Amino acid sequence: MTAQKKRRLVKLSLLEYDDKLVPIPLFNLTIGILIGFTAIFQFLVYLTMPIGIFVVYSIINGDITLVDENNDTRKSYQEEE
């Protein structure tokens, strides 16, 4: 008869909830996903911050203009459809 491996479990306790026993592979996966998302968001900041600053600068500089749409233009679009 083959000897069975003893499953290793992690005991999670949260405030007034019951204690849960979670297998180590599942626990490691959860921790890995949390660390991965934390690392990714730092790099997303480096990408989105310059884009946001460029858009604000372009609006202030006049390269991007905000245009109010007249009601007449809306009516002409609806009539064409």
PDB file of N, CA and C in Angstrom:
ATOM      1  N   MET A   1       0.844  -1.177   0.000  1.00  0.00           N
ATOM      2  CA  MET A   1       0.000   0.000   0.000  1.00  0.00           C
ATOM      3  C   MET A   1       0.889   1.240   0.000  1.00  0.00           C
ATOM      4  N   THR A   2       0.555   2.192  -0.850  1.00  0.00           N
ATOM      5  CA  THR A   2       1.365   3.408  -0.945  1.00  0.00           C
ATOM      6  C   THR A   2       0.978   4.380   0.159  1.00  0.00           C
ATOM      7  N   ALA A   3       1.987   5.041   0.634  1.00  0.00           N
ATOM      8  CA  ALA A   3       1.751   6.037   1.683  1.00  0.00           C
ATOM      9  C   ALA A   3       1.205   7.304   1.050  1.00  0.00           C
ATOM     10  N   GLN A   4       0.173   7.851   1.641  1.00  0.00           N
ATOM     11  CA  GLN A   4      -0.412   9.079   1.120  1.00  0.00           C
ATOM     12  C   GLN A   4       0.314  10.276   1.706  1.00  0.00           C
ATOM     13  N   LYS A   5       0.500  11.281   0.828  1.00  0.00           N
ATOM     14  CA  LYS A   5       1.119  12.517   1.303  1.00  0.00           C
ATOM     15  C   LYS A   5       0.145  13.254   2.198  1.00  0.00           C
ATOM     16  N   LYS A   6       0.678  13.817   3.218  1.00  0.00           N
ATOM     17  CA  LYS A   6      -0.159  14.624   4.093  1.00  0.00           C
ATOM     18  C   LYS A   6      -0.335  15.999   3.457  1.00  0.00           C
ATOM     19  N   ARG A   7      -1.575  16.423   3.296  1.00  0.00           N
ATOM     20  CA  ARG A   7      -1.835  17.731   2.684  1.00  0.00           C
ATOM     21  C   ARG A   7      -1.443  18.835   3.655  1.00  0.00           C
ATOM     22  N   ARG A   8      -0.725  19.799   3.133  1.00  0.00           N
ATOM     23  CA  ARG A   8      -0.362  20.950   3.953  1.00  0.00           C
ATOM     24  C   ARG A   8      -1.439  22.013   3.790  1.00  0.00           C
ATOM     25  N   LEU A   9      -1.875  22.559   4.880  1.00  0.00           N
ATOM     26  CA  LEU A   9      -2.954  23.540   4.863  1.00  0.00           C
ATOM     27  C   LEU A   9      -2.521  24.808   5.574  1.00  0.00           C
ATOM     28  N   VAL A  10      -3.129  25.910   5.182  1.00  0.00           N
ATOM     29  CA  VAL A  10      -2.911  27.205   5.831  1.00  0.00           C
ATOM     30  C   VAL A  10      -4.201  27.575   6.539  1.00  0.00           C
ATOM     31  N   LYS A  11      -4.102  27.977   7.781  1.00  0.00           N
ATOM     32  CA  LYS A  11      -5.287  28.352   8.554  1.00  0.00           C
ATOM     33  C   LYS A  11      -5.517  29.862   8.409  1.00  0.00           C
ATOM     34  N   LEU A  12      -6.677  30.235   7.863  1.00  0.00           N
ATOM     35  CA  LEU A  12      -7.024  31.647   7.689  1.00  0.00           C
ATOM     36  C   LEU A  12      -8.074  32.027   8.726  1.00  0.00           C
ATOM     37  N   SER A  13      -7.817  33.089   9.457  1.00  0.00           N
ATOM     38  CA  SER A  13      -8.769  33.568  10.459  1.00  0.00           C
ATOM     39  C   SER A  13      -9.055  35.037  10.193  1.00  0.00           C
ATOM     40  N   LEU A  14     -10.330  35.362   9.983  1.00  0.00           N
ATOM     41  CA  LEU A  14     -10.735  36.743   9.751  1.00  0.00           C
ATOM     42  C   LEU A  14     -11.800  37.144  10.757  1.00  0.00           C
ATOM     43  N   LEU A  15     -11.462  38.036  11.640  1.00  0.00           N
ATOM     44  CA  LEU A  15     -12.389  38.614  12.607  1.00  0.00           C
ATOM     45  C   LEU A  15     -13.348  37.587  13.198  1.00  0.00           C
ATOM     46  N   GLU A  16     -14.654  37.790  13.024  1.00  0.00           N
ATOM     47  CA  GLU A  16     -15.630  36.909  13.666  1.00  0.00           C
ATOM     48  C   GLU A  16     -16.021  35.716  12.803  1.00  0.00           C
ATOM     49  N   TYR A  17     -15.433  35.566  11.618  1.00  0.00           N
ATOM     50  CA  TYR A  17     -15.755  34.448  10.742  1.00  0.00           C
ATOM     51  C   TYR A  17     -15.071  33.176  11.223  1.00  0.00           C
ATOM     52  N   ASP A  18     -15.597  32.042  10.787  1.00  0.00           N
ATOM     53  CA  ASP A  18     -14.992  30.759  11.145  1.00  0.00           C
ATOM     54  C   ASP A  18     -13.629  30.624  10.489  1.00  0.00           C
ATOM     55  N   ASP A  19     -12.763  29.854  11.153  1.00  0.00           N
ATOM     56  CA  ASP A  19     -11.445  29.589  10.578  1.00  0.00           C
ATOM     57  C   ASP A  19     -11.596  28.685   9.358  1.00  0.00           C
ATOM     58  N   LYS A  20     -10.797  28.936   8.335  1.00  0.00           N
ATOM     59  CA  LYS A  20     -10.814  28.132   7.114  1.00  0.00           C
ATOM     60  C   LYS A  20      -9.433  27.520   6.908  1.00  0.00           C
ATOM     61  N   LEU A  21      -9.424  26.282   6.474  1.00  0.00           N
ATOM     62  CA  LEU A  21      -8.177  25.620   6.122  1.00  0.00           C
ATOM     63  C   LEU A  21      -8.084  25.575   4.594  1.00  0.00           C
ATOM     64  N   VAL A  22      -7.047  26.203   4.058  1.00  0.00           N
ATOM     65  CA  VAL A  22      -6.873  26.323   2.612  1.00  0.00           C
ATOM     66  C   VAL A  22      -5.595  25.583   2.230  1.00  0.00           C
ATOM     67  N   PRO A  23      -5.643  24.763   1.164  1.00  0.00           N
ATOM     68  CA  PRO A  23      -4.415  24.087   0.716  1.00  0.00           C
ATOM     69  C   PRO A  23      -3.350  25.092   0.291  1.00  0.00           C
ATOM     70  N   ILE A  24      -2.102  24.769   0.524  1.00  0.00           N
ATOM     71  CA  ILE A  24      -0.997  25.687   0.232  1.00  0.00           C
ATOM     72  C   ILE A  24      -0.949  26.110  -1.235  1.00  0.00           C
ATOM     73  N   PRO A  25      -1.136  25.208  -2.227  1.00  0.00           N
ATOM     74  CA  PRO A  25      -1.085  25.684  -3.619  1.00  0.00           C
ATOM     75  C   PRO A  25      -2.120  26.770  -3.912  1.00  0.00           C
ATOM     76  N   LEU A  26      -3.321  26.630  -3.370  1.00  0.00           N
ATOM     77  CA  LEU A  26      -4.353  27.643  -3.577  1.00  0.00           C
ATOM     78  C   LEU A  26      -3.981  28.948  -2.876  1.00  0.00           C
ATOM     79  N   PHE A  27      -3.423  28.842  -1.700  1.00  0.00           N
ATOM     80  CA  PHE A  27      -2.990  30.029  -0.953  1.00  0.00           C
ATOM     81  C   PHE A  27      -1.866  30.739  -1.698  1.00  0.00           C
ATOM     82  N   ASN A  28      -0.897  29.968  -2.214  1.00  0.00           N
ATOM     83  CA  ASN A  28       0.223  30.568  -2.957  1.00  0.00           C
ATOM     84  C   ASN A  28      -0.258  31.254  -4.226  1.00  0.00           C
ATOM     85  N   LEU A  29      -1.230  30.638  -4.899  1.00  0.00           N
ATOM     86  CA  LEU A  29      -1.786  31.241  -6.105  1.00  0.00           C
ATOM     87  C   LEU A  29      -2.423  32.592  -5.792  1.00  0.00           C
ATOM     88  N   THR A  30      -3.180  32.653  -4.719  1.00  0.00           N
ATOM     89  CA  THR A  30      -3.831  33.903  -4.321  1.00  0.00           C
ATOM     90  C   THR A  30      -2.805  34.993  -4.007  1.00  0.00           C
ATOM     91  N   ILE A  31      -1.793  34.645  -3.252  1.00  0.00           N
ATOM     92  CA  ILE A  31      -0.746  35.618  -2.904  1.00  0.00           C
ATOM     93  C   ILE A  31      -0.007  36.065  -4.170  1.00  0.00           C
ATOM     94  N   GLY A  32       0.268  35.136  -5.079  1.00  0.00           N
ATOM     95  CA  GLY A  32       0.954  35.481  -6.329  1.00  0.00           C
ATOM     96  C   GLY A  32       0.151  36.442  -7.182  1.00  0.00           C
ATOM     97  N   ILE A  33      -1.162  36.232  -7.267  1.00  0.00           N
ATOM     98  CA  ILE A  33      -2.019  37.135  -8.043  1.00  0.00           C
ATOM     99  C   ILE A  33      -2.033  38.526  -7.418  1.00  0.00           C
ATOM    100  N   LEU A  34      -2.122  38.599  -6.106  1.00  0.00           N
ATOM    101  CA  LEU A  34      -2.105  39.907  -5.431  1.00  0.00           C
ATOM    102  C   LEU A  34      -0.798  40.646  -5.693  1.00  0.00           C
ATOM    103  N   ILE A  35       0.303  39.953  -5.592  1.00  0.00           N
ATOM    104  CA  ILE A  35       1.605  40.590  -5.837  1.00  0.00           C
ATOM    105  C   ILE A  35       1.733  40.991  -7.303  1.00  0.00           C
ATOM    106  N   GLY A  36       1.236  40.146  -8.208  1.00  0.00           N
ATOM    107  CA  GLY A  36       1.303  40.461  -9.636  1.00  0.00           C
ATOM    108  C   GLY A  36       0.536  41.713  -9.988  1.00  0.00           C
ATOM    109  N   PHE A  37      -0.701  41.837  -9.482  1.00  0.00           N
ATOM    110  CA  PHE A  37      -1.485  43.038  -9.766  1.00  0.00           C
ATOM    111  C   PHE A  37      -0.838  44.280  -9.157  1.00  0.00           C
ATOM    112  N   THR A  38      -0.275  44.139  -7.970  1.00  0.00           N
ATOM    113  CA  THR A  38       0.398  45.281  -7.348  1.00  0.00           C
ATOM    114  C   THR A  38       1.573  45.734  -8.203  1.00  0.00           C
ATOM    115  N   ALA A  39       2.319  44.807  -8.750  1.00  0.00           N
ATOM    116  CA  ALA A  39       3.471  45.157  -9.589  1.00  0.00           C
ATOM    117  C   ALA A  39       3.023  45.768 -10.913  1.00  0.00           C
ATOM    118  N   ILE A  40       1.950  45.248 -11.504  1.00  0.00           N
ATOM    119  CA  ILE A  40       1.484  45.754 -12.796  1.00  0.00           C
ATOM    120  C   ILE A  40       0.984  47.193 -12.683  1.00  0.00           C
ATOM    121  N   PHE A  41       0.260  47.512 -11.616  1.00  0.00           N
ATOM    122  CA  PHE A  41      -0.291  48.858 -11.480  1.00  0.00           C
ATOM    123  C   PHE A  41       0.796  49.917 -11.393  1.00  0.00           C
ATOM    124  N   GLN A  42       1.940  49.579 -10.848  1.00  0.00           N
ATOM    125  CA  GLN A  42       3.033  50.552 -10.794  1.00  0.00           C
ATOM    126  C   GLN A  42       3.509  50.905 -12.201  1.00  0.00           C
ATOM    127  N   PHE A  43       3.564  49.921 -13.087  1.00  0.00           N
ATOM    128  CA  PHE A  43       4.000  50.192 -14.459  1.00  0.00           C
ATOM    129  C   PHE A  43       2.918  50.902 -15.256  1.00  0.00           C
ATOM    130  N   LEU A  44       1.649  50.638 -14.943  1.00  0.00           N
ATOM    131  CA  LEU A  44       0.565  51.345 -15.628  1.00  0.00           C
ATOM    132  C   LEU A  44       0.602  52.834 -15.316  1.00  0.00           C
ATOM    133  N   VAL A  45       1.039  53.189 -14.123  1.00  0.00           N
ATOM    134  CA  VAL A  45       1.157  54.609 -13.762  1.00  0.00           C
ATOM    135  C   VAL A  45       2.175  55.291 -14.664  1.00  0.00           C
ATOM    136  N   TYR A  46       3.288  54.611 -14.922  1.00  0.00           N
ATOM    137  CA  TYR A  46       4.315  55.207 -15.780  1.00  0.00           C
ATOM    138  C   TYR A  46       3.816  55.408 -17.204  1.00  0.00           C
ATOM    139  N   LEU A  47       2.830  54.619 -17.623  1.00  0.00           N
ATOM    140  CA  LEU A  47       2.279  54.754 -18.963  1.00  0.00           C
ATOM    141  C   LEU A  47       1.169  55.796 -19.014  1.00  0.00           C
ATOM    142  N   THR A  48       0.261  55.781 -18.043  1.00  0.00           N
ATOM    143  CA  THR A  48      -0.916  56.643 -18.114  1.00  0.00           C
ATOM    144  C   THR A  48      -0.665  58.068 -17.618  1.00  0.00           C
ATOM    145  N   MET A  49       0.242  58.258 -16.703  1.00  0.00           N
ATOM    146  CA  MET A  49       0.499  59.614 -16.206  1.00  0.00           C
ATOM    147  C   MET A  49       1.022  60.541 -17.305  1.00  0.00           C
ATOM    148  N   PRO A  50       2.016  60.155 -18.100  1.00  0.00           N
ATOM    149  CA  PRO A  50       2.452  61.061 -19.177  1.00  0.00           C
ATOM    150  C   PRO A  50       1.351  61.332 -20.193  1.00  0.00           C
ATOM    151  N   ILE A  51       0.520  60.328 -20.486  1.00  0.00           N
ATOM    152  CA  ILE A  51      -0.580  60.540 -21.427  1.00  0.00           C
ATOM    153  C   ILE A  51      -1.567  61.551 -20.854  1.00  0.00           C
ATOM    154  N   GLY A  52      -1.906  61.407 -19.580  1.00  0.00           N
ATOM    155  CA  GLY A  52      -2.824  62.357 -18.939  1.00  0.00           C
ATOM    156  C   GLY A  52      -2.253  63.759 -18.883  1.00  0.00           C
ATOM    157  N   ILE A  53      -0.984  63.859 -18.547  1.00  0.00           N
ATOM    158  CA  ILE A  53      -0.333  65.181 -18.496  1.00  0.00           C
ATOM    159  C   ILE A  53      -0.307  65.796 -19.899  1.00  0.00           C
ATOM    160  N   PHE A  54      -0.040  64.991 -20.928  1.00  0.00           N
ATOM    161  CA  PHE A  54      -0.021  65.489 -22.300  1.00  0.00           C
ATOM    162  C   PHE A  54      -1.400  65.994 -22.722  1.00  0.00           C
ATOM    163  N   VAL A  55      -2.460  65.290 -22.357  1.00  0.00           N
ATOM    164  CA  VAL A  55      -3.815  65.727 -22.714  1.00  0.00           C
ATOM    165  C   VAL A  55      -4.152  67.042 -22.032  1.00  0.00           C
ATOM    166  N   VAL A  56      -3.857  67.159 -20.746  1.00  0.00           N
ATOM    167  CA  VAL A  56      -4.133  68.412 -20.027  1.00  0.00           C
ATOM    168  C   VAL A  56      -3.307  69.553 -20.615  1.00  0.00           C
ATOM    169  N   TYR A  57      -2.035  69.300 -20.909  1.00  0.00           N
ATOM    170  CA  TYR A  57      -1.182  70.325 -21.516  1.00  0.00           C
ATOM    171  C   TYR A  57      -1.733  70.747 -22.883  1.00  0.00           C
ATOM    172  N   SER A  58      -2.212  69.778 -23.665  1.00  0.00           N
ATOM    173  CA  SER A  58      -2.748  70.088 -24.995  1.00  0.00           C
ATOM    174  C   SER A  58      -4.020  70.920 -24.904  1.00  0.00           C
ATOM    175  N   ILE A  59      -4.856  70.651 -23.907  1.00  0.00           N
ATOM    176  CA  ILE A  59      -6.069  71.461 -23.721  1.00  0.00           C
ATOM    177  C   ILE A  59      -5.699  72.883 -23.327  1.00  0.00           C
ATOM    178  N   ILE A  60      -4.750  73.025 -22.409  1.00  0.00           N
ATOM    179  CA  ILE A  60      -4.321  74.360 -21.968  1.00  0.00           C
ATOM    180  C   ILE A  60      -3.635  75.096 -23.123  1.00  0.00           C
ATOM    181  N   ASN A  61      -2.821  74.400 -23.880  1.00  0.00           N
ATOM    182  CA  ASN A  61      -2.069  75.003 -24.977  1.00  0.00           C
ATOM    183  C   ASN A  61      -2.967  75.349 -26.166  1.00  0.00           C
ATOM    184  N   GLY A  62      -4.109  74.710 -26.299  1.00  0.00           N
ATOM    185  CA  GLY A  62      -5.019  75.004 -27.388  1.00  0.00           C
ATOM    186  C   GLY A  62      -4.961  73.999 -28.524  1.00  0.00           C
ATOM    187  N   ASP A  63      -4.141  72.968 -28.393  1.00  0.00           N
ATOM    188  CA  ASP A  63      -4.080  71.945 -29.438  1.00  0.00           C
ATOM    189  C   ASP A  63      -5.364  71.127 -29.472  1.00  0.00           C
ATOM    190  N   ILE A  64      -5.955  70.891 -28.310  1.00  0.00           N
ATOM    191  CA  ILE A  64      -7.235  70.188 -28.213  1.00  0.00           C
ATOM    192  C   ILE A  64      -8.265  71.214 -27.773  1.00  0.00           C
ATOM    193  N   THR A  65      -9.324  71.355 -28.538  1.00  0.00           N
ATOM    194  CA  THR A  65     -10.369  72.316 -28.182  1.00  0.00           C
ATOM    195  C   THR A  65     -11.660  71.567 -27.885  1.00  0.00           C
ATOM    196  N   LEU A  66     -12.363  72.049 -26.900  1.00  0.00           N
ATOM    197  CA  LEU A  66     -13.647  71.479 -26.547  1.00  0.00           C
ATOM    198  C   LEU A  66     -14.724  72.264 -27.283  1.00  0.00           C
ATOM    199  N   VAL A  67     -15.542  71.581 -28.067  1.00  0.00           N
ATOM    200  CA  VAL A  67     -16.536  72.233 -28.919  1.00  0.00           C
ATOM    201  C   VAL A  67     -17.919  71.885 -28.399  1.00  0.00           C
ATOM    202  N   ASP A  68     -18.759  72.914 -28.261  1.00  0.00           N
ATOM    203  CA  ASP A  68     -20.154  72.678 -27.894  1.00  0.00           C
ATOM    204  C   ASP A  68     -20.933  72.366 -29.153  1.00  0.00           C
ATOM    205  N   GLU A  69     -21.743  71.327 -29.087  1.00  0.00           N
ATOM    206  CA  GLU A  69     -22.527  70.917 -30.243  1.00  0.00           C
ATOM    207  C   GLU A  69     -23.867  71.646 -30.211  1.00  0.00           C
ATOM    208  N   ASN A  70     -24.253  72.232 -31.334  1.00  0.00           N
ATOM    209  CA  ASN A  70     -25.535  72.923 -31.425  1.00  0.00           C
ATOM    210  C   ASN A  70     -26.670  71.915 -31.555  1.00  0.00           C
ATOM    211  N   ASN A  71     -27.862  72.334 -31.195  1.00  0.00           N
ATOM    212  CA  ASN A  71     -29.027  71.465 -31.347  1.00  0.00           C
ATOM    213  C   ASN A  71     -29.337  71.222 -32.809  1.00  0.00           C
ATOM    214  N   ASP A  72     -29.027  72.198 -33.693  1.00  0.00           N
ATOM    215  CA  ASP A  72     -29.287  72.057 -35.122  1.00  0.00           C
ATOM    216  C   ASP A  72     -28.493  70.882 -35.712  1.00  0.00           C
ATOM    217  N   THR A  73     -27.235  70.725 -35.249  1.00  0.00           N
ATOM    218  CA  THR A  73     -26.414  69.637 -35.768  1.00  0.00           C
ATOM    219  C   THR A  73     -26.975  68.288 -35.332  1.00  0.00           C
ATOM    220  N   ARG A  74     -27.473  68.210 -34.130  1.00  0.00           N
ATOM    221  CA  ARG A  74     -28.053  66.960 -33.647  1.00  0.00           C
ATOM    222  C   ARG A  74     -29.284  66.585 -34.468  1.00  0.00           C
ATOM    223  N   LYS A  75     -30.105  67.588 -34.779  1.00  0.00           N
ATOM    224  CA  LYS A  75     -31.318  67.318 -35.548  1.00  0.00           C
ATOM    225  C   LYS A  75     -30.974  66.816 -36.947  1.00  0.00           C
ATOM    226  N   SER A  76     -29.939  67.406 -37.561  1.00  0.00           N
ATOM    227  CA  SER A  76     -29.571  66.983 -38.910  1.00  0.00           C
ATOM    228  C   SER A  76     -29.048  65.541 -38.908  1.00  0.00           C
ATOM    229  N   TYR A  77     -28.335  65.146 -37.849  1.00  0.00           N
ATOM    230  CA  TYR A  77     -27.865  63.775 -37.740  1.00  0.00           C
ATOM    231  C   TYR A  77     -29.034  62.804 -37.597  1.00  0.00           C
ATOM    232  N   GLN A  78     -30.034  63.188 -36.813  1.00  0.00           N
ATOM    233  CA  GLN A  78     -31.188  62.315 -36.592  1.00  0.00           C
ATOM    234  C   GLN A  78     -32.031  62.207 -37.857  1.00  0.00           C
ATOM    235  N   GLU A  79     -32.127  63.277 -38.630  1.00  0.00           N
ATOM    236  CA  GLU A  79     -32.922  63.235 -39.852  1.00  0.00           C
ATOM    237  C   GLU A  79     -32.264  62.342 -40.914  1.00  0.00           C
ATOM    238  N   GLU A  80     -30.923  62.302 -40.947  1.00  0.00           N
ATOM    239  CA  GLU A  80     -30.232  61.485 -41.925  1.00  0.00           C
ATOM    240  C   GLU A  80     -30.461  60.001 -41.670  1.00  0.00           C
ATOM    241  N   GLU A  81     -30.586  59.633 -40.410  1.00  0.00           N
ATOM    242  CA  GLU A  81     -30.762  58.218 -40.069  1.00  0.00           C
ATOM    243  C   GLU A  81     -32.138  57.802 -40.463  1.00  0.00           C
TER     244      GLU A  81
END
